[in-house]
């Protein structure tokens, strides 16, 4: 009897999930039918598939570089914040507080129209990566802090008892645990970088949002453009969310084994 109940529950869950998806699809379809113009046609957007592909590629490249450099910056900020030299600690804390208190759109403007101008540098593509890196760095610093502080202090005592060298401690014990704990927030930051890259349209960087704006100006397909824009970001972020959930479940299994 217990087996049948478990089997029934396992079947009901996918059915209920599918029904929930249908509810959202029905709602979206209702909204589109109510507000879309009579000449509604998504095909007009995909006539510019070359531009969309370039924008998609640029969005991914910018986001990946921002997360990569942001991780390096975050680690440096973490080390500086833990430094015994008060000047370095203060410099890191000031940078973190300023970046976390500044809206990303404002930071993009400052980076492109003030810092870039000050250094006579006008490559908006690179300046966009710098802006995203500076914005993500403090969150990465907090990620390192949380991951490192989550390690049980007793592990250090045990490693000392077994005569581990400093390299062995970090190579075989500490860094693997930190890497596992950092993966979920790292995926979240990548997802945020992808969505945040849409603000680079104000500096004419050819990412997804900017490409859609260009296509809309040429085809006047505004409803179709925003719908494609929304679906494009969902196509990127939903797989990242599912991957993040999988990593979190594996992390939980790893912790349960320990």
Protein backbone atom coordinates (compact mmCIF):
# COMPACT_ATOMS: atom_id res chain seq x y z
CA UNK A 1 0.00 0.00 0.00
CA UNK A 2 2.86 2.33 0.85
CA UNK A 3 4.51 1.61 -2.51
CA UNK A 4 1.34 2.48 -4.43
CA UNK A 5 0.98 5.72 -2.51
CA UNK A 6 4.56 6.68 -3.25
CA UNK A 7 4.13 5.84 -6.95
CA UNK A 8 0.92 7.88 -7.12
CA UNK A 9 2.61 10.85 -5.50
CA UNK A 10 5.54 10.61 -7.93
CA UNK A 11 3.10 10.72 -10.86
CA UNK A 12 0.98 13.52 -9.42
CA UNK A 13 3.89 15.90 -8.94
CA UNK A 14 4.84 16.16 -12.66
CA UNK A 15 1.16 16.47 -13.59
CA UNK A 16 0.60 19.29 -11.11
CA UNK A 17 3.79 21.00 -12.24
CA UNK A 18 2.64 20.79 -15.87
CA UNK A 19 -0.75 22.22 -14.89
CA UNK A 20 0.95 25.12 -13.10
CA UNK A 21 3.00 25.82 -16.24
CA UNK A 22 -0.19 25.80 -18.32
CA UNK A 23 -1.77 28.37 -16.01
CA UNK A 24 1.13 30.77 -16.64
CA UNK A 25 1.07 30.10 -20.37
CA UNK A 26 -2.65 30.78 -20.46
CA UNK A 27 -2.18 34.04 -18.55
CA UNK A 28 0.60 35.18 -20.90
CA UNK A 29 -1.47 34.27 -23.95
CA UNK A 30 -4.44 36.21 -22.54
CA UNK A 31 -2.32 39.32 -21.98
CA UNK A 32 -0.77 39.12 -25.45
CA UNK A 33 -4.16 38.71 -27.14
CA UNK A 34 -5.55 41.66 -25.19
CA UNK A 35 -2.77 44.17 -25.81
CA UNK A 36 -0.98 43.00 -28.97
CA UNK A 37 -1.68 44.89 -32.20
CA UNK A 38 -3.51 43.25 -35.09
CA UNK A 39 -0.28 42.79 -37.06
CA UNK A 40 1.44 40.95 -34.19
CA UNK A 41 4.18 38.75 -35.65
CA UNK A 42 7.33 37.53 -33.88
CA UNK A 43 8.81 36.57 -37.25
CA UNK A 44 9.57 40.25 -37.83
CA UNK A 45 12.02 40.13 -34.93
CA UNK A 46 13.77 37.01 -36.20
CA UNK A 47 14.39 38.61 -39.58
CA UNK A 48 17.36 40.14 -37.76
CA UNK A 49 18.64 36.79 -36.47
CA UNK A 50 22.26 37.77 -37.21
CA UNK A 51 22.05 40.76 -34.89
CA UNK A 52 20.31 38.67 -32.22
CA UNK A 53 23.03 36.00 -32.37
CA UNK A 54 25.76 38.63 -32.01
CA UNK A 55 23.92 40.22 -29.09
CA UNK A 56 23.41 36.85 -27.40
CA UNK A 57 27.12 36.05 -27.78
CA UNK A 58 28.18 39.45 -26.45
CA UNK A 59 25.84 39.14 -23.46
CA UNK A 60 27.33 35.78 -22.50
CA UNK A 61 30.93 36.91 -23.01
CA UNK A 62 30.45 40.11 -21.01
CA UNK A 63 28.70 38.26 -18.18
CA UNK A 64 31.28 35.45 -17.99
CA UNK A 65 34.21 37.88 -17.96
CA UNK A 66 32.45 40.02 -15.33
CA UNK A 67 31.95 37.00 -13.08
CA UNK A 68 35.52 35.76 -13.67
CA UNK A 69 37.12 39.13 -12.91
CA UNK A 70 34.56 39.77 -10.17
CA UNK A 71 35.61 36.54 -8.46
CA UNK A 72 39.27 37.63 -8.54
CA UNK A 73 38.33 41.10 -7.29
CA UNK A 74 36.14 39.59 -4.59
CA UNK A 75 38.98 37.40 -3.33
CA UNK A 76 41.34 40.40 -3.24
CA UNK A 77 38.73 42.45 -1.38
CA UNK A 78 38.25 39.62 1.10
CA UNK A 79 41.99 39.43 1.78
CA UNK A 80 42.24 43.20 2.17
CA UNK A 81 39.25 43.29 4.49
CA UNK A 82 40.90 40.62 6.66
CA UNK A 83 44.25 42.44 6.62
CA UNK A 84 45.86 43.67 9.82
CA UNK A 85 46.89 46.87 8.05
CA UNK A 86 44.07 49.28 8.82
CA UNK A 87 44.61 51.35 5.64
CA UNK A 88 44.09 48.30 3.42
CA UNK A 89 41.11 47.16 5.46
CA UNK A 90 39.56 50.63 5.28
CA UNK A 91 40.16 50.90 1.51
CA UNK A 92 38.41 47.55 0.95
CA UNK A 93 35.47 48.40 3.23
CA UNK A 94 34.97 51.80 1.57
CA UNK A 95 35.02 50.25 -1.91
CA UNK A 96 32.53 47.54 -0.88
CA UNK A 97 30.12 49.98 0.76
CA UNK A 98 30.26 52.45 -2.15
CA UNK A 99 29.71 49.75 -4.79
CA UNK A 100 26.89 48.08 -2.88
CA UNK A 101 25.22 51.46 -2.36
CA UNK A 102 25.44 52.48 -6.03
CA UNK A 103 22.77 51.38 -8.53
CA UNK A 104 24.28 49.44 -11.43
CA UNK A 105 22.87 51.86 -14.01
CA UNK A 106 24.59 54.77 -12.27
CA UNK A 107 27.84 52.80 -12.12
CA UNK A 108 27.64 52.10 -15.86
CA UNK A 109 27.26 55.83 -16.54
CA UNK A 110 30.15 56.74 -14.23
CA UNK A 111 32.45 54.11 -15.72
CA UNK A 112 31.72 55.02 -19.34
CA UNK A 113 31.25 58.79 -19.25
CA UNK A 114 33.56 59.81 -16.41
CA UNK A 115 36.26 57.20 -15.72
CA UNK A 116 36.58 56.27 -19.41
CA UNK A 117 36.80 59.93 -20.38
CA UNK A 118 39.39 60.62 -17.67
CA UNK A 119 41.68 57.94 -19.10
CA UNK A 120 40.84 58.80 -22.75
CA UNK A 121 39.41 55.30 -23.21
CA UNK A 122 36.18 54.84 -25.16
CA UNK A 123 35.79 51.09 -25.67
CA UNK A 124 32.30 50.71 -24.20
CA UNK A 125 32.45 46.92 -24.45
CA UNK A 126 35.42 46.77 -22.05
CA UNK A 127 34.10 49.57 -19.84
CA UNK A 128 30.87 47.62 -19.48
CA UNK A 129 32.79 44.59 -18.23
CA UNK A 130 34.67 46.83 -15.78
CA UNK A 131 31.41 48.29 -14.45
CA UNK A 132 29.86 44.85 -13.94
CA UNK A 133 33.08 43.55 -12.37
CA UNK A 134 33.22 46.42 -9.90
CA UNK A 135 29.58 45.89 -9.01
CA UNK A 136 29.82 42.13 -8.55
CA UNK A 137 33.17 42.15 -6.72
CA UNK A 138 31.79 43.09 -3.26
CA UNK A 139 29.18 40.32 -3.48
CA UNK A 140 31.94 37.90 -4.37
CA UNK A 141 33.92 39.11 -1.34
CA UNK A 142 30.96 38.28 0.89
CA UNK A 143 30.72 34.92 -0.87
CA UNK A 144 34.35 34.12 0.02
CA UNK A 145 33.82 35.30 3.58
CA UNK A 146 30.76 33.09 4.06
CA UNK A 147 32.38 30.04 2.46
CA UNK A 148 35.60 30.30 4.49
CA UNK A 149 33.86 31.02 7.79
CA UNK A 150 31.56 28.02 7.27
CA UNK A 151 34.47 25.62 7.69
CA UNK A 152 34.47 24.04 11.13
CA UNK A 153 37.44 25.39 13.17
CA UNK A 154 37.99 21.89 14.56
CA UNK A 155 39.17 20.82 11.13
CA UNK A 156 42.21 23.07 11.50
CA UNK A 157 43.00 21.41 14.84
CA UNK A 158 42.75 17.95 13.29
CA UNK A 159 44.97 18.98 10.37
CA UNK A 160 47.59 20.29 12.79
CA UNK A 161 47.47 17.01 14.72
CA UNK A 162 48.13 15.05 11.55
CA UNK A 163 50.98 17.36 10.60
CA UNK A 164 49.48 18.89 7.47
CA UNK A 165 51.56 21.60 5.83
CA UNK A 166 49.94 24.90 4.90
CA UNK A 167 49.80 23.84 1.24
CA UNK A 168 48.26 20.47 2.11
CA UNK A 169 45.62 22.11 4.31
CA UNK A 170 44.38 24.34 1.51
CA UNK A 171 44.95 21.96 -1.40
CA UNK A 172 43.25 18.87 0.01
CA UNK A 173 40.89 20.07 2.77
CA UNK A 174 39.99 23.75 2.73
CA UNK A 175 39.82 24.72 -0.98
CA UNK A 176 37.63 21.75 -2.06
CA UNK A 177 35.10 22.65 0.65
CA UNK A 178 35.20 26.35 -0.27
CA UNK A 179 34.69 25.53 -3.96
CA UNK A 180 31.61 23.42 -3.19
CA UNK A 181 30.09 26.07 -0.92
CA UNK A 182 30.75 28.86 -3.44
CA UNK A 183 29.08 27.23 -6.44
CA UNK A 184 25.43 28.17 -5.65
CA UNK A 185 26.14 31.88 -5.01
CA UNK A 186 28.49 31.89 -8.01
CA UNK A 187 25.65 30.68 -10.25
CA UNK A 188 23.38 33.34 -8.75
CA UNK A 189 25.95 36.04 -9.49
CA UNK A 190 26.31 34.81 -13.08
CA UNK A 191 22.55 35.00 -13.51
CA UNK A 192 22.57 38.52 -12.04
CA UNK A 193 25.42 39.57 -14.36
CA UNK A 194 23.45 38.36 -17.39
CA UNK A 195 20.40 40.35 -16.36
CA UNK A 196 22.51 43.34 -15.31
CA UNK A 197 24.24 43.42 -18.70
CA UNK A 198 20.97 44.73 -20.15
CA UNK A 199 21.81 48.12 -18.62
CA UNK A 200 24.79 48.42 -20.96
CA UNK A 201 22.37 49.40 -23.71
CA UNK A 202 22.71 53.00 -22.50
CA UNK A 203 26.31 52.99 -23.77
CA UNK A 204 25.39 51.32 -27.10
CA UNK A 205 26.97 47.95 -26.27
CA UNK A 206 25.44 45.35 -28.59
CA UNK A 207 23.86 43.05 -26.03
CA UNK A 208 20.38 41.52 -26.13
CA UNK A 209 18.41 44.55 -24.90
CA UNK A 210 20.23 46.96 -27.22
CA UNK A 211 19.70 44.63 -30.19
CA UNK A 212 15.98 44.43 -29.48
CA UNK A 213 15.76 48.23 -29.28
CA UNK A 214 17.43 48.52 -32.70
CA UNK A 215 15.07 45.93 -34.21
CA UNK A 216 12.05 47.68 -32.70
CA UNK A 217 13.13 51.00 -34.20
CA UNK A 218 13.30 49.39 -37.66
CA UNK A 219 10.20 47.18 -37.56
CA UNK A 220 7.98 48.98 -35.00
CA UNK A 221 7.36 45.51 -33.53
CA UNK A 222 7.45 46.73 -29.94
CA UNK A 223 5.21 44.07 -28.39
CA UNK A 224 7.01 41.28 -30.21
CA UNK A 225 10.40 42.71 -29.26
CA UNK A 226 9.71 42.84 -25.56
CA UNK A 227 8.26 39.32 -25.63
CA UNK A 228 11.36 37.95 -27.40
CA UNK A 229 13.58 39.91 -24.99
CA UNK A 230 11.83 38.34 -22.00
CA UNK A 231 12.00 34.83 -23.46
CA UNK A 232 15.69 35.28 -24.35
CA UNK A 233 16.65 36.10 -20.76
CA UNK A 234 14.49 33.25 -19.44
CA UNK A 235 16.21 30.85 -21.87
CA UNK A 236 19.53 31.77 -20.22
CA UNK A 237 18.60 32.17 -16.57
CA UNK A 238 16.20 29.23 -16.08
CA UNK A 239 18.86 26.60 -16.99
CA UNK A 240 21.25 28.37 -14.61
CA UNK A 241 18.61 28.20 -11.87
CA UNK A 242 18.07 24.48 -12.48
CA UNK A 243 21.82 23.89 -12.48
CA UNK A 244 22.09 25.84 -9.23
CA UNK A 245 19.41 23.68 -7.61
CA UNK A 246 21.22 20.54 -8.75
CA UNK A 247 24.50 21.81 -7.30
CA UNK A 248 22.79 22.67 -4.01
CA UNK A 249 21.29 19.16 -3.79
CA UNK A 250 24.71 17.61 -4.45
CA UNK A 251 26.23 19.91 -1.86
CA UNK A 252 23.64 18.80 0.68
CA UNK A 253 24.41 15.15 -0.08
CA UNK A 254 28.12 15.87 0.38
CA UNK A 255 27.51 17.55 3.73
CA UNK A 256 25.27 14.67 4.88
CA UNK A 257 28.06 12.19 4.06
CA UNK A 258 30.50 14.27 6.09
